[in-house]
């Protein structure tokens, strides 16, 4: 069974698309995060939920 850890990010209105893209790219490249859900509100703000797999170490002895 896969386990995920989640991180919620809120971007206020006025945040440009380019800044949002750069920030999400950094999280994806350096933290192995992927977008689980992105919500764009009518006022222009965004709420993003990122997820990544939790890898559990299994004892081999």
N, C-alpha and C. Protein backbone atom coordinates (compact mmCIF):
# COMPACT_ATOMS: atom_id res chain seq x y z
N UNK A 1 0.84 -1.18 0.00
CA UNK A 1 0.00 0.00 0.00
C UNK A 1 0.89 1.25 0.00
N UNK A 2 0.55 2.21 -0.84
CA UNK A 2 1.33 3.43 -0.93
C UNK A 2 0.88 4.44 0.11
N UNK A 3 1.86 5.05 0.73
CA UNK A 3 1.60 6.15 1.66
C UNK A 3 2.15 7.42 1.04
N UNK A 4 1.45 8.52 1.25
CA UNK A 4 1.87 9.80 0.73
C UNK A 4 1.95 10.81 1.87
N UNK A 5 2.87 11.74 1.74
CA UNK A 5 2.87 12.91 2.62
C UNK A 5 2.40 14.08 1.76
N UNK A 6 1.72 15.02 2.39
CA UNK A 6 1.11 16.13 1.68
C UNK A 6 1.63 17.46 2.19
N UNK A 7 1.65 18.44 1.30
CA UNK A 7 2.02 19.80 1.66
C UNK A 7 1.04 20.73 0.96
N UNK A 8 0.44 21.63 1.73
CA UNK A 8 -0.49 22.60 1.17
C UNK A 8 0.22 23.94 1.01
N UNK A 9 0.01 24.57 -0.14
CA UNK A 9 0.61 25.87 -0.45
C UNK A 9 -0.51 26.82 -0.84
N UNK A 10 -0.46 28.02 -0.32
CA UNK A 10 -1.43 29.05 -0.68
C UNK A 10 -0.67 30.17 -1.38
N UNK A 11 -1.12 30.54 -2.57
CA UNK A 11 -0.53 31.67 -3.30
C UNK A 11 -1.58 32.77 -3.39
N UNK A 12 -1.29 33.95 -2.86
CA UNK A 12 -2.27 35.03 -2.88
C UNK A 12 -2.48 35.56 -4.29
N UNK A 13 -3.58 36.27 -4.48
CA UNK A 13 -3.83 36.85 -5.79
C UNK A 13 -2.73 37.85 -6.09
N UNK A 14 -2.47 38.01 -7.34
CA UNK A 14 -1.38 38.89 -7.75
C UNK A 14 -0.08 38.14 -7.97
N UNK A 15 -0.01 36.89 -7.53
CA UNK A 15 1.17 36.07 -7.80
C UNK A 15 1.12 35.67 -9.27
N UNK A 16 2.18 35.99 -9.98
CA UNK A 16 2.18 35.72 -11.41
C UNK A 16 2.27 34.22 -11.70
N UNK A 17 1.83 33.87 -12.87
CA UNK A 17 1.92 32.47 -13.30
C UNK A 17 3.36 31.99 -13.33
N UNK A 18 4.25 32.85 -13.76
CA UNK A 18 5.67 32.51 -13.87
C UNK A 18 6.26 32.20 -12.49
N UNK A 19 5.95 33.02 -11.49
CA UNK A 19 6.44 32.78 -10.13
C UNK A 19 5.88 31.47 -9.59
N UNK A 20 4.59 31.23 -9.81
CA UNK A 20 3.97 29.98 -9.36
C UNK A 20 4.63 28.78 -10.03
N UNK A 21 4.87 28.88 -11.32
CA UNK A 21 5.52 27.79 -12.06
C UNK A 21 6.91 27.51 -11.53
N UNK A 22 7.68 28.58 -11.30
CA UNK A 22 9.05 28.40 -10.79
C UNK A 22 9.05 27.73 -9.42
N UNK A 23 8.13 28.16 -8.55
CA UNK A 23 8.07 27.60 -7.21
C UNK A 23 7.70 26.11 -7.25
N UNK A 24 6.71 25.77 -8.06
CA UNK A 24 6.30 24.36 -8.15
C UNK A 24 7.37 23.50 -8.81
N UNK A 25 8.10 24.07 -9.76
CA UNK A 25 9.20 23.34 -10.40
C UNK A 25 10.30 23.04 -9.39
N UNK A 26 10.62 24.01 -8.53
CA UNK A 26 11.64 23.80 -7.49
C UNK A 26 11.22 22.67 -6.53
N UNK A 27 9.97 22.69 -6.12
CA UNK A 27 9.48 21.63 -5.22
C UNK A 27 9.55 20.27 -5.91
N UNK A 28 9.22 20.21 -7.19
CA UNK A 28 9.23 18.95 -7.91
C UNK A 28 10.64 18.42 -8.10
N UNK A 29 11.57 19.28 -8.47
CA UNK A 29 12.93 18.84 -8.76
C UNK A 29 13.71 18.50 -7.50
N UNK A 30 13.57 19.29 -6.45
CA UNK A 30 14.42 19.11 -5.28
C UNK A 30 13.76 18.37 -4.13
N UNK A 31 12.45 18.24 -4.17
CA UNK A 31 11.77 17.56 -3.08
C UNK A 31 10.94 16.38 -3.51
N UNK A 32 10.94 16.08 -4.80
CA UNK A 32 10.16 14.97 -5.36
C UNK A 32 8.66 15.12 -5.13
N UNK A 33 8.18 16.35 -5.10
CA UNK A 33 6.75 16.60 -4.94
C UNK A 33 6.06 16.60 -6.29
N UNK A 34 4.80 16.20 -6.30
CA UNK A 34 3.97 16.27 -7.51
C UNK A 34 2.64 16.90 -7.12
N UNK A 35 1.97 17.50 -8.09
CA UNK A 35 0.70 18.17 -7.81
C UNK A 35 -0.39 17.12 -7.63
N UNK A 36 -1.06 17.20 -6.51
CA UNK A 36 -2.20 16.33 -6.24
C UNK A 36 -3.49 17.07 -6.60
N UNK A 37 -3.56 18.33 -6.24
CA UNK A 37 -4.76 19.14 -6.51
C UNK A 37 -4.37 20.60 -6.58
N UNK A 38 -4.94 21.30 -7.54
CA UNK A 38 -4.72 22.73 -7.68
C UNK A 38 -6.08 23.39 -7.84
N UNK A 39 -6.31 24.40 -7.03
CA UNK A 39 -7.59 25.10 -7.09
C UNK A 39 -7.34 26.57 -7.32
N UNK A 40 -7.95 27.12 -8.35
CA UNK A 40 -7.85 28.54 -8.67
C UNK A 40 -9.17 29.19 -8.28
N UNK A 41 -9.11 30.15 -7.38
CA UNK A 41 -10.30 30.83 -6.88
C UNK A 41 -10.65 32.03 -7.74
N UNK A 42 -11.92 32.47 -7.72
CA UNK A 42 -12.34 33.61 -8.55
C UNK A 42 -11.57 34.90 -8.29
N UNK A 43 -11.05 35.08 -7.08
CA UNK A 43 -10.29 36.30 -6.79
C UNK A 43 -8.85 36.24 -7.29
N UNK A 44 -8.44 35.09 -7.86
CA UNK A 44 -7.10 34.96 -8.43
C UNK A 44 -6.11 34.23 -7.54
N UNK A 45 -6.51 33.91 -6.31
CA UNK A 45 -5.60 33.17 -5.42
C UNK A 45 -5.63 31.69 -5.80
N UNK A 46 -4.57 30.98 -5.39
CA UNK A 46 -4.46 29.55 -5.70
C UNK A 46 -4.18 28.77 -4.43
N UNK A 47 -4.76 27.60 -4.33
CA UNK A 47 -4.44 26.67 -3.25
C UNK A 47 -3.97 25.39 -3.92
N UNK A 48 -2.76 24.96 -3.57
CA UNK A 48 -2.13 23.82 -4.22
C UNK A 48 -1.82 22.77 -3.16
N UNK A 49 -2.16 21.53 -3.46
CA UNK A 49 -1.79 20.42 -2.59
C UNK A 49 -0.79 19.57 -3.35
N UNK A 50 0.40 19.42 -2.76
CA UNK A 50 1.46 18.59 -3.33
C UNK A 50 1.54 17.30 -2.54
N UNK A 51 2.00 16.25 -3.20
CA UNK A 51 2.18 14.98 -2.51
C UNK A 51 3.47 14.33 -2.97
N UNK A 52 3.99 13.46 -2.11
CA UNK A 52 5.13 12.62 -2.48
C UNK A 52 5.02 11.31 -1.73
N UNK A 53 5.59 10.29 -2.34
CA UNK A 53 5.53 8.96 -1.75
C UNK A 53 6.41 8.90 -0.51
N UNK A 54 5.91 8.20 0.50
CA UNK A 54 6.69 7.94 1.68
C UNK A 54 7.30 6.57 1.50
N UNK A 55 8.61 6.50 1.54
CA UNK A 55 9.30 5.23 1.36
C UNK A 55 9.72 4.71 2.74
N UNK A 56 9.18 3.60 3.10
CA UNK A 56 9.48 3.01 4.41
C UNK A 56 10.62 2.01 4.23
N UNK A 57 11.59 2.10 5.11
CA UNK A 57 12.71 1.16 5.08
C UNK A 57 12.25 -0.17 5.69
N UNK A 58 12.58 -1.24 5.02
CA UNK A 58 12.22 -2.58 5.50
C UNK A 58 13.50 -3.28 5.92
N UNK A 59 13.47 -3.81 7.10
CA UNK A 59 14.64 -4.51 7.63
C UNK A 59 14.85 -5.80 6.85
N UNK A 60 16.09 -6.07 6.45
CA UNK A 60 16.37 -7.25 5.62
C UNK A 60 16.92 -8.42 6.41
N UNK A 61 17.18 -8.27 7.66
CA UNK A 61 17.73 -9.37 8.46
C UNK A 61 16.67 -10.10 9.20
